[in-house]
């Protein structure tokens, strides 16, 4: 009679030990949607002012970022200098380069804030409330009145493997 509770307890401990060992495997966060398509879909669903796609040279210039660190990226900025809205997704080749991308984004956010500090107060406030989200090898940067909605839309592109 006493052997049954002992055997049951042993089975529970063994099961917990096995499940704890299996969870040490690193989960990879990945998206099967190219970054350009992500942004296209986001700005279709969540209205934004007119944004143009920046070419590689403009990205290097505005972000002071070495684009050779990136597997893919897209940056959309305002067509006219009366809005601060900006959406960018950077996918790094190697996760060790994420801090460099995050630093570049913070510098870019500061530059946008300085640009609008004495120019358009509402846009300055918008720029101060930017969002930066890192998921796996992706870094998402957004300045928008609808930043929270855009972050949710960005999160929906990812699955854990």
Protein backbone atom coordinates (compact mmCIF):
# COMPACT_ATOMS: atom_id res chain seq x y z
CA UNK A 1 0.00 0.00 0.00
CA UNK A 2 2.83 2.44 0.83
CA UNK A 3 4.61 1.62 -2.44
CA UNK A 4 1.89 3.21 -4.59
CA UNK A 5 2.27 6.80 -3.27
CA UNK A 6 6.07 6.46 -3.45
CA UNK A 7 5.89 5.25 -7.07
CA UNK A 8 3.46 8.03 -7.95
CA UNK A 9 5.70 10.66 -6.35
CA UNK A 10 8.74 9.24 -8.15
CA UNK A 11 6.89 9.40 -11.49
CA UNK A 12 5.94 13.05 -10.88
CA UNK A 13 9.52 14.02 -9.98
CA UNK A 14 10.87 12.18 -13.04
CA UNK A 15 8.34 13.92 -15.34
CA UNK A 16 9.22 17.36 -13.93
CA UNK A 17 12.93 16.68 -14.34
CA UNK A 18 12.46 15.70 -17.97
CA UNK A 19 10.31 18.72 -18.79
CA UNK A 20 12.82 21.07 -17.11
CA UNK A 21 15.66 19.66 -19.19
CA UNK A 22 13.76 19.99 -22.43
CA UNK A 23 12.98 23.68 -21.85
CA UNK A 24 16.66 24.66 -21.90
CA UNK A 25 16.54 24.52 -25.69
CA UNK A 26 16.70 28.06 -27.12
CA UNK A 27 13.48 29.23 -28.76
CA UNK A 28 14.01 30.97 -32.04
CA UNK A 29 11.70 33.85 -32.93
CA UNK A 30 11.29 34.14 -36.67
CA UNK A 31 8.98 35.59 -39.28
CA UNK A 32 8.36 34.20 -42.74
CA UNK A 33 7.29 37.63 -44.04
CA UNK A 34 9.95 39.90 -45.61
CA UNK A 35 10.40 43.20 -43.72
CA UNK A 36 9.23 45.29 -46.68
CA UNK A 37 5.95 43.33 -46.79
CA UNK A 38 5.54 43.75 -43.03
CA UNK A 39 5.68 47.54 -43.31
CA UNK A 40 3.50 47.58 -46.43
CA UNK A 41 0.83 45.58 -44.59
CA UNK A 42 1.08 47.72 -41.44
CA UNK A 43 0.66 51.05 -43.28
CA UNK A 44 -2.21 49.61 -45.29
CA UNK A 45 -4.07 48.57 -42.12
CA UNK A 46 -3.05 51.47 -39.86
CA UNK A 47 -3.29 54.85 -41.56
CA UNK A 48 -0.10 56.91 -41.72
CA UNK A 49 0.85 60.12 -43.53
CA UNK A 50 2.62 59.73 -46.88
CA UNK A 51 5.89 57.91 -46.32
CA UNK A 52 8.68 57.23 -48.77
CA UNK A 53 11.12 54.35 -48.68
CA UNK A 54 14.70 55.38 -47.96
CA UNK A 55 17.48 53.96 -50.12
CA UNK A 56 20.67 52.45 -48.64
CA UNK A 57 22.60 55.72 -48.82
CA UNK A 58 19.89 57.66 -47.00
CA UNK A 59 19.68 54.95 -44.32
CA UNK A 60 23.46 55.14 -43.79
CA UNK A 61 23.26 58.93 -43.63
CA UNK A 62 20.25 59.28 -41.32
CA UNK A 63 20.97 56.32 -39.01
CA UNK A 64 24.79 56.25 -39.18
CA UNK A 65 24.36 52.50 -39.56
CA UNK A 66 26.53 50.05 -41.47
CA UNK A 67 23.95 48.29 -43.65
CA UNK A 68 26.32 45.34 -44.24
CA UNK A 69 25.31 44.16 -40.73
CA UNK A 70 21.76 43.72 -41.99
CA UNK A 71 20.20 40.77 -43.75
CA UNK A 72 17.27 42.94 -44.82
CA UNK A 73 15.70 46.24 -43.84
CA UNK A 74 13.19 48.85 -44.83
CA UNK A 75 12.81 52.42 -43.61
CA UNK A 76 9.85 54.66 -44.37
CA UNK A 77 10.10 58.36 -43.58
CA UNK A 78 7.84 61.36 -44.26
CA UNK A 79 7.81 62.79 -47.77
CA UNK A 80 7.58 66.30 -46.36
CA UNK A 81 9.33 67.71 -43.33
CA UNK A 82 6.12 68.52 -41.45
CA UNK A 83 5.60 65.09 -39.84
CA UNK A 84 7.83 62.95 -37.64
CA UNK A 85 6.20 59.62 -38.48
CA UNK A 86 8.79 56.99 -39.33
CA UNK A 87 8.67 53.20 -39.54
CA UNK A 88 11.73 50.99 -39.83
CA UNK A 89 12.46 47.28 -39.51
CA UNK A 90 16.02 46.01 -39.43
CA UNK A 91 16.87 42.29 -39.55
CA UNK A 92 20.47 41.69 -38.51
CA UNK A 93 22.56 38.86 -39.90
CA UNK A 94 24.02 38.16 -36.46
CA UNK A 95 22.32 38.76 -33.11
CA UNK A 96 25.54 40.26 -31.70
CA UNK A 97 24.90 43.32 -33.91
CA UNK A 98 21.51 44.15 -32.35
CA UNK A 99 23.05 46.64 -29.85
CA UNK A 100 24.63 48.57 -32.76
CA UNK A 101 21.25 48.82 -34.49
CA UNK A 102 19.52 49.87 -31.26
CA UNK A 103 22.14 52.59 -30.72
CA UNK A 104 21.64 53.85 -34.28
CA UNK A 105 17.87 53.97 -33.71
CA UNK A 106 18.25 55.93 -30.48
CA UNK A 107 20.54 58.41 -32.25
CA UNK A 108 18.01 58.74 -35.07
CA UNK A 109 15.16 59.35 -32.59
CA UNK A 110 17.23 62.04 -30.87
CA UNK A 111 17.99 63.70 -34.21
CA UNK A 112 14.29 63.77 -35.14
CA UNK A 113 13.43 65.23 -31.74
CA UNK A 114 16.05 67.98 -32.10
CA UNK A 115 14.80 68.78 -35.58
CA UNK A 116 11.23 69.39 -34.33
CA UNK A 117 12.01 70.74 -30.86
CA UNK A 118 11.39 74.38 -31.80
CA UNK A 119 9.61 73.77 -35.10
CA UNK A 120 6.34 71.89 -34.48
CA UNK A 121 5.58 71.13 -30.80
CA UNK A 122 3.00 68.40 -31.53
CA UNK A 123 5.47 66.57 -33.79
CA UNK A 124 8.22 66.99 -31.18
CA UNK A 125 5.97 65.24 -28.63
CA UNK A 126 5.26 62.51 -31.18
CA UNK A 127 9.01 61.99 -31.73
CA UNK A 128 9.64 61.79 -27.97
CA UNK A 129 7.16 58.91 -27.72
CA UNK A 130 8.88 56.62 -30.23
CA UNK A 131 8.85 52.83 -29.77
CA UNK A 132 11.66 50.36 -30.33
CA UNK A 133 10.97 46.61 -30.13
CA UNK A 134 13.45 43.77 -30.57
CA UNK A 135 12.25 40.30 -31.51
CA UNK A 136 14.83 37.68 -32.38
CA UNK A 137 17.09 39.25 -35.03
CA UNK A 138 14.56 41.97 -35.85
CA UNK A 139 14.52 45.52 -34.51
CA UNK A 140 11.39 47.61 -35.09
CA UNK A 141 11.42 51.40 -34.77
CA UNK A 142 8.34 53.58 -35.04
CA UNK A 143 7.42 57.21 -34.50
CA UNK A 144 3.68 57.58 -34.86
CA UNK A 145 0.55 58.71 -33.07
CA UNK A 146 -0.54 55.08 -33.54
CA UNK A 147 2.75 53.52 -32.38
CA UNK A 148 1.07 51.04 -30.01
CA UNK A 149 -1.15 49.73 -32.81
CA UNK A 150 1.86 49.38 -35.10
CA UNK A 151 3.82 47.49 -32.41
CA UNK A 152 0.89 45.04 -32.04
CA UNK A 153 0.81 44.58 -35.81
CA UNK A 154 4.58 43.96 -35.82
CA UNK A 155 4.26 41.37 -33.02
CA UNK A 156 1.66 39.47 -35.08
CA UNK A 157 4.25 38.65 -37.76
CA UNK A 158 6.22 36.37 -35.41
CA UNK A 159 5.93 32.77 -34.30
CA UNK A 160 8.13 30.91 -31.83
CA UNK A 161 9.84 27.81 -33.19
